[in-house]
C-alpha cells in the first residue's frame, strides 16, 4: 500500500522541521496586513510557526515573522496582540477539527423541541 506524501515545513521560531499540518501558517495579505491562516487556504507569502504560544513569543522577540514575510516595517503592539489572539483561536480550531473533518452533532427530537420553543 502506497503512503501519502506529507509536506515538511520549518518553524520560523525554533527551526524545527515538522509536517505541514502540525504548524500554523501566517500570511502576508493585501495592504501589508499579516493574517493567521488556520485552514492553509489564503493566498500570499506565508510563514509557518509551531502551534504553541512559546514559539509565537520567540518569533515576535526575534522579529522572525517580519523577516519571513519580508515586511518592510515593524509590527505594532496592537497588531501583535491581534495576531496572538488569532493564533490561539486558530490552535483551538485546529485541535477541535482534526484533519478539517466535518463536525456532526446529534440531538434527539425532544431536546430539539425544547431548544426551539
PDB file of N, CA and C in Angstrom:
ATOM      1  N   UNK A   1       0.835  -1.176   0.000  1.00  0.00           N
ATOM      2  CA  UNK A   1       0.000   0.000   0.000  1.00  0.00           C
ATOM      3  C   UNK A   1       0.889   1.252   0.000  1.00  0.00           C
ATOM      4  N   UNK A   2       0.634   2.161  -0.892  1.00  0.00           N
ATOM      5  CA  UNK A   2       1.424   3.389  -1.011  1.00  0.00           C
ATOM      6  C   UNK A   2       1.040   4.374   0.089  1.00  0.00           C
ATOM      7  N   UNK A   3       2.033   5.057   0.619  1.00  0.00           N
ATOM      8  CA  UNK A   3       1.760   6.068   1.633  1.00  0.00           C
ATOM      9  C   UNK A   3       1.633   7.431   0.973  1.00  0.00           C
ATOM     10  N   UNK A   4       0.801   8.250   1.565  1.00  0.00           N
ATOM     11  CA  UNK A   4       0.575   9.592   1.041  1.00  0.00           C
ATOM     12  C   UNK A   4       1.747  10.501   1.419  1.00  0.00           C
ATOM     13  N   UNK A   5       2.168  11.330   0.471  1.00  0.00           N
ATOM     14  CA  UNK A   5       3.261  12.276   0.715  1.00  0.00           C
ATOM     15  C   UNK A   5       2.817  13.310   1.740  1.00  0.00           C
ATOM     16  N   UNK A   6       3.659  13.564   2.717  1.00  0.00           N
ATOM     17  CA  UNK A   6       3.365  14.543   3.756  1.00  0.00           C
ATOM     18  C   UNK A   6       4.371  15.678   3.646  1.00  0.00           C
ATOM     19  N   UNK A   7       3.917  16.880   3.261  1.00  0.00           N
ATOM     20  CA  UNK A   7       4.853  18.005   3.121  1.00  0.00           C
ATOM     21  C   UNK A   7       5.500  18.376   4.453  1.00  0.00           C
ATOM     22  N   UNK A   8       6.786  18.700   4.414  1.00  0.00           N
ATOM     23  CA  UNK A   8       7.546  19.107   5.604  1.00  0.00           C
ATOM     24  C   UNK A   8       7.841  20.599   5.501  1.00  0.00           C
ATOM     25  N   UNK A   9       7.638  21.322   6.600  1.00  0.00           N
ATOM     26  CA  UNK A   9       7.924  22.750   6.664  1.00  0.00           C
ATOM     27  C   UNK A   9       8.785  23.019   7.898  1.00  0.00           C
ATOM     28  N   UNK A  10       9.395  24.187   7.954  1.00  0.00           N
ATOM     29  CA  UNK A  10      10.263  24.570   9.066  1.00  0.00           C
ATOM     30  C   UNK A  10       9.618  25.705   9.857  1.00  0.00           C
ATOM     31  N   UNK A  11       9.627  25.574  11.172  1.00  0.00           N
ATOM     32  CA  UNK A  11       9.118  26.626  12.058  1.00  0.00           C
ATOM     33  C   UNK A  11      10.092  27.792  12.018  1.00  0.00           C
ATOM     34  N   UNK A  12       9.574  29.002  11.832  1.00  0.00           N
ATOM     35  CA  UNK A  12      10.441  30.176  11.734  1.00  0.00           C
ATOM     36  C   UNK A  12      11.035  30.580  13.076  1.00  0.00           C
ATOM     37  N   UNK A  13      10.433  30.128  14.188  1.00  0.00           N
ATOM     38  CA  UNK A  13      10.937  30.500  15.513  1.00  0.00           C
ATOM     39  C   UNK A  13      11.961  29.503  16.033  1.00  0.00           C
ATOM     40  N   UNK A  14      11.647  28.224  15.927  1.00  0.00           N
ATOM     41  CA  UNK A  14      12.501  27.200  16.529  1.00  0.00           C
ATOM     42  C   UNK A  14      13.424  26.522  15.529  1.00  0.00           C
ATOM     43  N   UNK A  15      13.107  26.594  14.250  1.00  0.00           N
ATOM     44  CA  UNK A  15      13.911  25.929  13.229  1.00  0.00           C
ATOM     45  C   UNK A  15      13.619  24.438  13.128  1.00  0.00           C
ATOM     46  N   UNK A  16      12.625  23.972  13.870  1.00  0.00           N
ATOM     47  CA  UNK A  16      12.263  22.559  13.884  1.00  0.00           C
ATOM     48  C   UNK A  16      11.461  22.213  12.625  1.00  0.00           C
ATOM     49  N   UNK A  17      11.810  21.096  11.997  1.00  0.00           N
ATOM     50  CA  UNK A  17      11.089  20.649  10.803  1.00  0.00           C
ATOM     51  C   UNK A  17       9.946  19.743  11.239  1.00  0.00           C
ATOM     52  N   UNK A  18       8.737  20.051  10.747  1.00  0.00           N
ATOM     53  CA  UNK A  18       7.532  19.303  11.112  1.00  0.00           C
ATOM     54  C   UNK A  18       6.671  19.097   9.874  1.00  0.00           C
ATOM     55  N   UNK A  19       5.694  18.223  10.018  1.00  0.00           N
ATOM     56  CA  UNK A  19       4.701  18.059   8.961  1.00  0.00           C
ATOM     57  C   UNK A  19       3.896  19.352   8.852  1.00  0.00           C
ATOM     58  N   UNK A  20       3.460  19.675   7.650  1.00  0.00           N
ATOM     59  CA  UNK A  20       2.748  20.917   7.392  1.00  0.00           C
ATOM     60  C   UNK A  20       1.522  21.070   8.297  1.00  0.00           C
ATOM     61  N   UNK A  21       0.816  19.964   8.562  1.00  0.00           N
ATOM     62  CA  UNK A  21      -0.404  20.050   9.359  1.00  0.00           C
ATOM     63  C   UNK A  21      -0.145  20.243  10.850  1.00  0.00           C
ATOM     64  N   UNK A  22       1.129  20.202  11.275  1.00  0.00           N
ATOM     65  CA  UNK A  22       1.475  20.436  12.675  1.00  0.00           C
ATOM     66  C   UNK A  22       1.894  21.883  12.937  1.00  0.00           C
ATOM     67  N   UNK A  23       1.901  22.707  11.899  1.00  0.00           N
ATOM     68  CA  UNK A  23       2.318  24.105  12.013  1.00  0.00           C
ATOM     69  C   UNK A  23       1.166  25.038  11.660  1.00  0.00           C
ATOM     70  N   UNK A  24       1.201  26.239  12.225  1.00  0.00           N
ATOM     71  CA  UNK A  24       0.212  27.266  11.889  1.00  0.00           C
ATOM     72  C   UNK A  24       0.836  28.203  10.858  1.00  0.00           C
ATOM     73  N   UNK A  25       0.051  28.571   9.863  1.00  0.00           N
ATOM     74  CA  UNK A  25       0.556  29.415   8.783  1.00  0.00           C
ATOM     75  C   UNK A  25       0.146  30.862   9.006  1.00  0.00           C
ATOM     76  N   UNK A  26       1.093  31.768   8.816  1.00  0.00           N
ATOM     77  CA  UNK A  26       0.836  33.206   8.812  1.00  0.00           C
ATOM     78  C   UNK A  26       1.007  33.672   7.377  1.00  0.00           C
ATOM     79  N   UNK A  27       0.169  34.596   6.938  1.00  0.00           N
ATOM     80  CA  UNK A  27       0.178  35.044   5.549  1.00  0.00           C
ATOM     81  C   UNK A  27       0.273  36.559   5.502  1.00  0.00           C
ATOM     82  N   UNK A  28       1.089  37.044   4.554  1.00  0.00           N
ATOM     83  CA  UNK A  28       1.136  38.476   4.280  1.00  0.00           C
ATOM     84  C   UNK A  28       0.095  38.749   3.214  1.00  0.00           C
ATOM     85  N   UNK A  29      -1.006  39.366   3.621  1.00  0.00           N
ATOM     86  CA  UNK A  29      -2.109  39.629   2.710  1.00  0.00           C
ATOM     87  C   UNK A  29      -1.967  40.987   2.036  1.00  0.00           C
ATOM     88  N   UNK A  30      -3.068  41.423   1.487  1.00  0.00           N
ATOM     89  CA  UNK A  30      -3.086  42.727   0.821  1.00  0.00           C
ATOM     90  C   UNK A  30      -2.854  43.832   1.845  1.00  0.00           C
ATOM     91  N   UNK A  31      -2.338  44.938   1.381  1.00  0.00           N
ATOM     92  CA  UNK A  31      -2.081  46.117   2.219  1.00  0.00           C
ATOM     93  C   UNK A  31      -1.103  45.824   3.354  1.00  0.00           C
ATOM     94  N   UNK A  32      -0.138  44.875   3.134  1.00  0.00           N
ATOM     95  CA  UNK A  32       0.886  44.553   4.128  1.00  0.00           C
ATOM     96  C   UNK A  32       0.272  44.120   5.465  1.00  0.00           C
ATOM     97  N   UNK A  33      -0.881  43.460   5.427  1.00  0.00           N
ATOM     98  CA  UNK A  33      -1.540  43.004   6.644  1.00  0.00           C
ATOM     99  C   UNK A  33      -1.185  41.543   6.888  1.00  0.00           C
ATOM    100  N   UNK A  34      -0.763  41.216   8.110  1.00  0.00           N
ATOM    101  CA  UNK A  34      -0.395  39.851   8.474  1.00  0.00           C
ATOM    102  C   UNK A  34      -1.629  39.162   9.053  1.00  0.00           C
ATOM    103  N   UNK A  35      -1.919  37.956   8.539  1.00  0.00           N
ATOM    104  CA  UNK A  35      -3.096  37.204   8.960  1.00  0.00           C
ATOM    105  C   UNK A  35      -2.697  35.803   9.387  1.00  0.00           C
ATOM    106  N   UNK A  36      -3.476  35.218  10.300  1.00  0.00           N
ATOM    107  CA  UNK A  36      -3.308  33.818  10.676  1.00  0.00           C
ATOM    108  C   UNK A  36      -4.201  33.003   9.753  1.00  0.00           C
ATOM    109  N   UNK A  37      -3.663  31.899   9.207  1.00  0.00           N
ATOM    110  CA  UNK A  37      -4.383  31.070   8.234  1.00  0.00           C
ATOM    111  C   UNK A  37      -4.498  29.635   8.758  1.00  0.00           C
ATOM    112  N   UNK A  38      -5.463  29.364   9.654  1.00  0.00           N
ATOM    113  CA  UNK A  38      -5.549  28.027  10.246  1.00  0.00           C
ATOM    114  C   UNK A  38      -5.934  26.927   9.253  1.00  0.00           C
ATOM    115  N   UNK A  39      -6.584  27.290   8.157  1.00  0.00           N
ATOM    116  CA  UNK A  39      -7.007  26.280   7.178  1.00  0.00           C
ATOM    117  C   UNK A  39      -6.067  26.184   5.978  1.00  0.00           C
ATOM    118  N   UNK A  40      -4.976  26.949   5.963  1.00  0.00           N
ATOM    119  CA  UNK A  40      -3.997  26.936   4.873  1.00  0.00           C
ATOM    120  C   UNK A  40      -4.636  27.210   3.507  1.00  0.00           C
ATOM    121  N   UNK A  41      -5.527  28.199   3.448  1.00  0.00           N
ATOM    122  CA  UNK A  41      -6.232  28.476   2.204  1.00  0.00           C
ATOM    123  C   UNK A  41      -5.983  29.873   1.650  1.00  0.00           C
ATOM    124  N   UNK A  42      -5.437  30.771   2.448  1.00  0.00           N
ATOM    125  CA  UNK A  42      -5.256  32.139   1.989  1.00  0.00           C
ATOM    126  C   UNK A  42      -4.080  32.234   1.029  1.00  0.00           C
ATOM    127  N   UNK A  43      -4.207  33.131   0.066  1.00  0.00           N
ATOM    128  CA  UNK A  43      -3.130  33.359  -0.893  1.00  0.00           C
ATOM    129  C   UNK A  43      -2.180  34.410  -0.345  1.00  0.00           C
ATOM    130  N   UNK A  44      -0.921  34.291  -0.708  1.00  0.00           N
ATOM    131  CA  UNK A  44       0.066  35.269  -0.293  1.00  0.00           C
ATOM    132  C   UNK A  44       1.297  34.595   0.266  1.00  0.00           C
ATOM    133  N   UNK A  45       2.294  35.398   0.565  1.00  0.00           N
ATOM    134  CA  UNK A  45       3.546  34.880   1.123  1.00  0.00           C
ATOM    135  C   UNK A  45       3.273  34.350   2.526  1.00  0.00           C
ATOM    136  N   UNK A  46       3.748  33.153   2.820  1.00  0.00           N
ATOM    137  CA  UNK A  46       3.445  32.529   4.097  1.00  0.00           C
ATOM    138  C   UNK A  46       4.669  32.222   4.925  1.00  0.00           C
ATOM    139  N   UNK A  47       4.439  32.037   6.211  1.00  0.00           N
ATOM    140  CA  UNK A  47       5.467  31.623   7.168  1.00  0.00           C
ATOM    141  C   UNK A  47       4.805  30.646   8.132  1.00  0.00           C
ATOM    142  N   UNK A  48       5.525  29.606   8.513  1.00  0.00           N
ATOM    143  CA  UNK A  48       4.973  28.570   9.383  1.00  0.00           C
ATOM    144  C   UNK A  48       5.562  28.664  10.782  1.00  0.00           C
ATOM    145  N   UNK A  49       4.702  28.386  11.771  1.00  0.00           N
ATOM    146  CA  UNK A  49       5.089  28.512  13.167  1.00  0.00           C
ATOM    147  C   UNK A  49       4.516  27.338  13.956  1.00  0.00           C
ATOM    148  N   UNK A  50       5.305  26.780  14.868  1.00  0.00           N
ATOM    149  CA  UNK A  50       4.829  25.688  15.722  1.00  0.00           C
ATOM    150  C   UNK A  50       3.587  26.147  16.475  1.00  0.00           C
ATOM    151  N   UNK A  51       2.687  25.200  16.741  1.00  0.00           N
ATOM    152  CA  UNK A  51       1.414  25.561  17.366  1.00  0.00           C
ATOM    153  C   UNK A  51       1.501  25.582  18.885  1.00  0.00           C
ATOM    154  N   UNK A  52       2.345  26.469  19.408  1.00  0.00           N
ATOM    155  CA  UNK A  52       2.377  26.733  20.844  1.00  0.00           C
ATOM    156  C   UNK A  52       2.753  28.202  21.045  1.00  0.00           C
ATOM    157  N   UNK A  53       2.309  28.752  22.157  1.00  0.00           N
ATOM    158  CA  UNK A  53       2.480  30.180  22.405  1.00  0.00           C
ATOM    159  C   UNK A  53       3.950  30.538  22.612  1.00  0.00           C
ATOM    160  N   UNK A  54       4.763  29.590  23.086  1.00  0.00           N
ATOM    161  CA  UNK A  54       6.184  29.861  23.285  1.00  0.00           C
ATOM    162  C   UNK A  54       6.864  30.164  21.948  1.00  0.00           C
ATOM    163  N   UNK A  55       6.522  29.398  20.925  1.00  0.00           N
ATOM    164  CA  UNK A  55       7.087  29.632  19.588  1.00  0.00           C
ATOM    165  C   UNK A  55       6.655  30.999  19.062  1.00  0.00           C
ATOM    166  N   UNK A  56       5.414  31.384  19.330  1.00  0.00           N
ATOM    167  CA  UNK A  56       4.921  32.701  18.896  1.00  0.00           C
ATOM    168  C   UNK A  56       5.736  33.807  19.566  1.00  0.00           C
ATOM    169  N   UNK A  57       5.958  33.668  20.869  1.00  0.00           N
ATOM    170  CA  UNK A  57       6.713  34.689  21.604  1.00  0.00           C
ATOM    171  C   UNK A  57       8.155  34.779  21.098  1.00  0.00           C
ATOM    172  N   UNK A  58       8.766  33.640  20.778  1.00  0.00           N
ATOM    173  CA  UNK A  58      10.124  33.643  20.234  1.00  0.00           C
ATOM    174  C   UNK A  58      10.153  34.352  18.884  1.00  0.00           C
ATOM    175  N   UNK A  59       9.168  34.061  18.048  1.00  0.00           N
ATOM    176  CA  UNK A  59       9.109  34.676  16.716  1.00  0.00           C
ATOM    177  C   UNK A  59       8.955  36.194  16.815  1.00  0.00           C
ATOM    178  N   UNK A  60       8.169  36.658  17.769  1.00  0.00           N
ATOM    179  CA  UNK A  60       7.987  38.103  17.952  1.00  0.00           C
ATOM    180  C   UNK A  60       9.284  38.723  18.482  1.00  0.00           C
ATOM    181  N   UNK A  61       9.892  38.069  19.453  1.00  0.00           N
ATOM    182  CA  UNK A  61      11.121  38.601  20.048  1.00  0.00           C
ATOM    183  C   UNK A  61      12.256  38.689  19.024  1.00  0.00           C
ATOM    184  N   UNK A  62      12.400  37.658  18.184  1.00  0.00           N
ATOM    185  CA  UNK A  62      13.464  37.623  17.172  1.00  0.00           C
ATOM    186  C   UNK A  62      13.106  38.392  15.898  1.00  0.00           C
ATOM    187  N   UNK A  63      11.883  38.855  15.819  1.00  0.00           N
ATOM    188  CA  UNK A  63      11.354  39.519  14.618  1.00  0.00           C
ATOM    189  C   UNK A  63      11.385  38.567  13.409  1.00  0.00           C
ATOM    190  N   UNK A  64      11.239  37.278  13.692  1.00  0.00           N
ATOM    191  CA  UNK A  64      11.285  36.252  12.650  1.00  0.00           C
ATOM    192  C   UNK A  64      10.074  36.350  11.726  1.00  0.00           C
ATOM    193  N   UNK A  65       8.945  36.750  12.259  1.00  0.00           N
ATOM    194  CA  UNK A  65       7.731  36.875  11.438  1.00  0.00           C
ATOM    195  C   UNK A  65       7.907  37.958  10.380  1.00  0.00           C
ATOM    196  N   UNK A  66       8.456  39.107  10.779  1.00  0.00           N
ATOM    197  CA  UNK A  66       8.680  40.194   9.824  1.00  0.00           C
ATOM    198  C   UNK A  66       9.682  39.787   8.741  1.00  0.00           C
ATOM    199  N   UNK A  67      10.748  39.081   9.145  1.00  0.00           N
ATOM    200  CA  UNK A  67      11.760  38.645   8.175  1.00  0.00           C
ATOM    201  C   UNK A  67      11.207  37.606   7.212  1.00  0.00           C
ATOM    202  N   UNK A  68      10.504  36.606   7.743  1.00  0.00           N
ATOM    203  CA  UNK A  68       9.994  35.527   6.897  1.00  0.00           C
ATOM    204  C   UNK A  68       8.962  36.032   5.895  1.00  0.00           C
ATOM    205  N   UNK A  69       8.157  37.004   6.302  1.00  0.00           N
ATOM    206  CA  UNK A  69       7.137  37.553   5.408  1.00  0.00           C
ATOM    207  C   UNK A  69       7.659  38.729   4.585  1.00  0.00           C
ATOM    208  N   UNK A  70       8.916  39.109   4.819  1.00  0.00           N
ATOM    209  CA  UNK A  70       9.567  40.225   4.127  1.00  0.00           C
ATOM    210  C   UNK A  70       8.783  41.526   4.276  1.00  0.00           C
ATOM    211  N   UNK A  71       8.357  41.792   5.512  1.00  0.00           N
ATOM    212  CA  UNK A  71       7.672  43.049   5.817  1.00  0.00           C
ATOM    213  C   UNK A  71       8.678  44.189   5.751  1.00  0.00           C
ATOM    214  N   UNK A  72       8.234  45.318   5.274  1.00  0.00           N
ATOM    215  CA  UNK A  72       9.101  46.488   5.170  1.00  0.00           C
ATOM    216  C   UNK A  72       8.970  47.395   6.387  1.00  0.00           C
ATOM    217  N   UNK A  73       8.259  46.901   7.400  1.00  0.00           N
ATOM    218  CA  UNK A  73       8.036  47.691   8.615  1.00  0.00           C
ATOM    219  C   UNK A  73       7.973  46.751   9.812  1.00  0.00           C
ATOM    220  N   UNK A  74       7.974  47.322  11.017  1.00  0.00           N
ATOM    221  CA  UNK A  74       7.827  46.528  12.233  1.00  0.00           C
ATOM    222  C   UNK A  74       6.342  46.353  12.532  1.00  0.00           C
ATOM    223  N   UNK A  75       6.000  45.240  13.167  1.00  0.00           N
ATOM    224  CA  UNK A  75       4.629  45.035  13.619  1.00  0.00           C
ATOM    225  C   UNK A  75       4.369  45.918  14.838  1.00  0.00           C
ATOM    226  N   UNK A  76       3.210  46.537  14.886  1.00  0.00           N
ATOM    227  CA  UNK A  76       2.854  47.368  16.035  1.00  0.00           C
ATOM    228  C   UNK A  76       2.401  46.478  17.181  1.00  0.00           C
ATOM    229  N   UNK A  77       2.350  47.043  18.381  1.00  0.00           N
ATOM    230  CA  UNK A  77       1.909  46.299  19.566  1.00  0.00           C
ATOM    231  C   UNK A  77       0.473  45.810  19.394  1.00  0.00           C
ATOM    232  N   UNK A  78      -0.366  46.635  18.782  1.00  0.00           N
ATOM    233  CA  UNK A  78      -1.766  46.261  18.551  1.00  0.00           C
ATOM    234  C   UNK A  78      -1.857  45.088  17.570  1.00  0.00           C
ATOM    235  N   UNK A  79      -1.054  45.135  16.507  1.00  0.00           N
ATOM    236  CA  UNK A  79      -1.039  44.038  15.536  1.00  0.00           C
ATOM    237  C   UNK A  79      -0.556  42.738  16.183  1.00  0.00           C
ATOM    238  N   UNK A  80       0.451  42.837  17.021  1.00  0.00           N
ATOM    239  CA  UNK A  80       0.983  41.653  17.703  1.00  0.00           C
ATOM    240  C   UNK A  80      -0.074  41.051  18.614  1.00  0.00           C
ATOM    241  N   UNK A  81      -0.785  41.890  19.333  1.00  0.00           N
ATOM    242  CA  UNK A  81      -1.835  41.394  20.234  1.00  0.00           C
ATOM    243  C   UNK A  81      -2.963  40.733  19.449  1.00  0.00           C
ATOM    244  N   UNK A  82      -3.365  41.330  18.327  1.00  0.00           N
ATOM    245  CA  UNK A  82      -4.405  40.730  17.477  1.00  0.00           C
ATOM    246  C   UNK A  82      -3.937  39.404  16.887  1.00  0.00           C
ATOM    247  N   UNK A  83      -2.674  39.331  16.472  1.00  0.00           N
ATOM    248  CA  UNK A  83      -2.116  38.085  15.939  1.00  0.00           C
ATOM    249  C   UNK A  83      -2.063  37.007  17.014  1.00  0.00           C
ATOM    250  N   UNK A  84      -1.686  37.388  18.234  1.00  0.00           N
ATOM    251  CA  UNK A  84      -1.621  36.430  19.344  1.00  0.00           C
ATOM    252  C   UNK A  84      -3.016  35.832  19.586  1.00  0.00           C
ATOM    253  N   UNK A  85      -4.021  36.693  19.607  1.00  0.00           N
ATOM    254  CA  UNK A  85      -5.396  36.234  19.828  1.00  0.00           C
ATOM    255  C   UNK A  85      -5.843  35.322  18.686  1.00  0.00           C
ATOM    256  N   UNK A  86      -5.595  35.717  17.449  1.00  0.00           N
ATOM    257  CA  UNK A  86      -5.971  34.903  16.290  1.00  0.00           C
ATOM    258  C   UNK A  86      -5.210  33.584  16.272  1.00  0.00           C
ATOM    259  N   UNK A  87      -3.941  33.610  16.677  1.00  0.00           N
ATOM    260  CA  UNK A  87      -3.105  32.409  16.734  1.00  0.00           C
ATOM    261  C   UNK A  87      -3.691  31.404  17.714  1.00  0.00           C
ATOM    262  N   UNK A  88      -4.066  31.856  18.915  1.00  0.00           N
ATOM    263  CA  UNK A  88      -4.645  30.970  19.917  1.00  0.00           C
ATOM    264  C   UNK A  88      -5.993  30.420  19.457  1.00  0.00           C
ATOM    265  N   UNK A  89      -6.800  31.260  18.810  1.00  0.00           N
ATOM    266  CA  UNK A  89      -8.078  30.792  18.268  1.00  0.00           C
ATOM    267  C   UNK A  89      -7.857  29.764  17.165  1.00  0.00           C
ATOM    268  N   UNK A  90      -6.854  29.987  16.333  1.00  0.00           N
ATOM    269  CA  UNK A  90      -6.528  29.045  15.266  1.00  0.00           C
ATOM    270  C   UNK A  90      -6.089  27.699  15.812  1.00  0.00           C
ATOM    271  N   UNK A  91      -5.317  27.709  16.903  1.00  0.00           N
ATOM    272  CA  UNK A  91      -4.892  26.460  17.540  1.00  0.00           C
ATOM    273  C   UNK A  91      -6.108  25.702  18.060  1.00  0.00           C
ATOM    274  N   UNK A  92      -7.024  26.415  18.718  1.00  0.00           N
ATOM    275  CA  UNK A  92      -8.241  25.778  19.229  1.00  0.00           C
ATOM    276  C   UNK A  92      -9.047  25.173  18.089  1.00  0.00           C
ATOM    277  N   UNK A  93      -9.186  25.901  16.986  1.00  0.00           N
ATOM    278  CA  UNK A  93      -9.944  25.406  15.835  1.00  0.00           C
ATOM    279  C   UNK A  93      -9.288  24.153  15.259  1.00  0.00           C
ATOM    280  N   UNK A  94      -7.968  24.183  15.103  1.00  0.00           N
ATOM    281  CA  UNK A  94      -7.252  23.023  14.557  1.00  0.00           C
ATOM    282  C   UNK A  94      -7.397  21.810  15.471  1.00  0.00           C
ATOM    283  N   UNK A  95      -7.297  22.017  16.779  1.00  0.00           N
ATOM    284  CA  UNK A  95      -7.416  20.898  17.717  1.00  0.00           C
ATOM    285  C   UNK A  95      -8.835  20.356  17.766  1.00  0.00           C
ATOM    286  N   UNK A  96      -9.819  21.225  17.557  1.00  0.00           N
ATOM    287  CA  UNK A  96     -11.218  20.805  17.570  1.00  0.00           C
ATOM    288  C   UNK A  96     -11.565  20.014  16.325  1.00  0.00           C
ATOM    289  N   UNK A  97     -11.060  20.447  15.163  1.00  0.00           N
ATOM    290  CA  UNK A  97     -11.379  19.816  13.886  1.00  0.00           C
ATOM    291  C   UNK A  97     -10.134  19.186  13.284  1.00  0.00           C
ATOM    292  N   UNK A  98      -9.676  18.088  13.838  1.00  0.00           N
ATOM    293  CA  UNK A  98      -8.503  17.395  13.313  1.00  0.00           C
ATOM    294  C   UNK A  98      -8.751  16.991  11.868  1.00  0.00           C
ATOM    295  N   UNK A  99      -7.836  17.328  10.984  1.00  0.00           N
ATOM    296  CA  UNK A  99      -7.934  16.926   9.587  1.00  0.00           C
ATOM    297  C   UNK A  99      -9.017  17.634   8.808  1.00  0.00           C
ATOM    298  N   UNK A 100      -9.522  18.761   9.318  1.00  0.00           N
ATOM    299  CA  UNK A 100     -10.591  19.519   8.653  1.00  0.00           C
ATOM    300  C   UNK A 100     -11.815  18.672   8.346  1.00  0.00           C
ATOM    301  N   UNK A 101     -12.134  17.723   9.230  1.00  0.00           N
ATOM    302  CA  UNK A 101     -13.311  16.896   9.042  1.00  0.00           C
ATOM    303  C   UNK A 101     -14.532  17.645   9.525  1.00  0.00           C
ATOM    304  N   UNK A 102     -15.660  17.337   8.899  1.00  0.00           N
ATOM    305  CA  UNK A 102     -16.915  17.965   9.293  1.00  0.00           C
ATOM    306  C   UNK A 102     -17.299  17.504  10.696  1.00  0.00           C
ATOM    307  N   UNK A 103     -17.952  18.374  11.447  1.00  0.00           N
ATOM    308  CA  UNK A 103     -18.384  18.060  12.796  1.00  0.00           C
ATOM    309  C   UNK A 103     -19.879  17.784  12.759  1.00  0.00           C
ATOM    310  N   UNK A 104     -20.288  16.651  13.320  1.00  0.00           N
ATOM    311  CA  UNK A 104     -21.699  16.285  13.364  1.00  0.00           C
ATOM    312  C   UNK A 104     -22.145  16.260  14.813  1.00  0.00           C
ATOM    313  N   UNK A 105     -23.242  16.935  15.091  1.00  0.00           N
ATOM    314  CA  UNK A 105     -23.804  16.955  16.436  1.00  0.00           C
ATOM    315  C   UNK A 105     -25.165  16.293  16.373  1.00  0.00           C
ATOM    316  N   UNK A 106     -25.351  15.256  17.173  1.00  0.00           N
ATOM    317  CA  UNK A 106     -26.616  14.526  17.182  1.00  0.00           C
ATOM    318  C   UNK A 106     -27.438  14.976  18.375  1.00  0.00           C
ATOM    319  N   UNK A 107     -28.705  15.311  18.093  1.00  0.00           N
ATOM    320  CA  UNK A 107     -29.620  15.782  19.122  1.00  0.00           C
ATOM    321  C   UNK A 107     -30.922  15.021  18.956  1.00  0.00           C
ATOM    322  N   UNK A 108     -31.505  14.582  20.058  1.00  0.00           N
ATOM    323  CA  UNK A 108     -32.787  13.878  19.981  1.00  0.00           C
ATOM    324  C   UNK A 108     -33.889  14.884  19.655  1.00  0.00           C
ATOM    325  N   UNK A 109     -35.016  14.371  19.183  1.00  0.00           N
ATOM    326  CA  UNK A 109     -36.121  15.255  18.796  1.00  0.00           C
ATOM    327  C   UNK A 109     -36.669  16.010  19.996  1.00  0.00           C
ATOM    328  N   UNK A 110     -36.703  15.348  21.168  1.00  0.00           N
ATOM    329  CA  UNK A 110     -37.230  16.028  22.363  1.00  0.00           C
ATOM    330  C   UNK A 110     -36.335  17.219  22.752  1.00  0.00           C
ATOM    331  N   UNK A 111     -35.023  17.002  22.711  1.00  0.00           N
ATOM    332  CA  UNK A 111     -34.091  18.095  23.036  1.00  0.00           C
ATOM    333  C   UNK A 111     -34.203  19.220  22.039  1.00  0.00           C
ATOM    334  N   UNK A 112     -34.369  18.876  20.763  1.00  0.00           N
ATOM    335  CA  UNK A 112     -34.508  19.886  19.720  1.00  0.00           C
ATOM    336  C   UNK A 112     -35.771  20.721  19.939  1.00  0.00           C
ATOM    337  N   UNK A 113     -36.872  20.071  20.303  1.00  0.00           N
ATOM    338  CA  UNK A 113     -38.122  20.787  20.534  1.00  0.00           C
ATOM    339  C   UNK A 113     -38.012  21.728  21.740  1.00  0.00           C
ATOM    340  N   UNK A 114     -37.254  21.288  22.763  1.00  0.00           N
ATOM    341  CA  UNK A 114     -37.073  22.129  23.954  1.00  0.00           C
ATOM    342  C   UNK A 114     -36.297  23.391  23.597  1.00  0.00           C
ATOM    343  N   UNK A 115     -35.289  23.250  22.776  1.00  0.00           N
ATOM    344  CA  UNK A 115     -34.426  24.378  22.401  1.00  0.00           C
ATOM    345  C   UNK A 115     -35.145  25.356  21.487  1.00  0.00           C
ATOM    346  N   UNK A 116     -35.967  24.853  20.583  1.00  0.00           N
ATOM    347  CA  UNK A 116     -36.627  25.724  19.614  1.00  0.00           C
ATOM    348  C   UNK A 116     -37.861  26.414  20.139  1.00  0.00           C
ATOM    349  N   UNK A 117     -38.341  26.041  21.317  1.00  0.00           N
ATOM    350  CA  UNK A 117     -39.533  26.697  21.882  1.00  0.00           C
ATOM    351  C   UNK A 117     -39.211  28.011  22.489  1.00  0.00           C
TER     352      UNK A 117
END
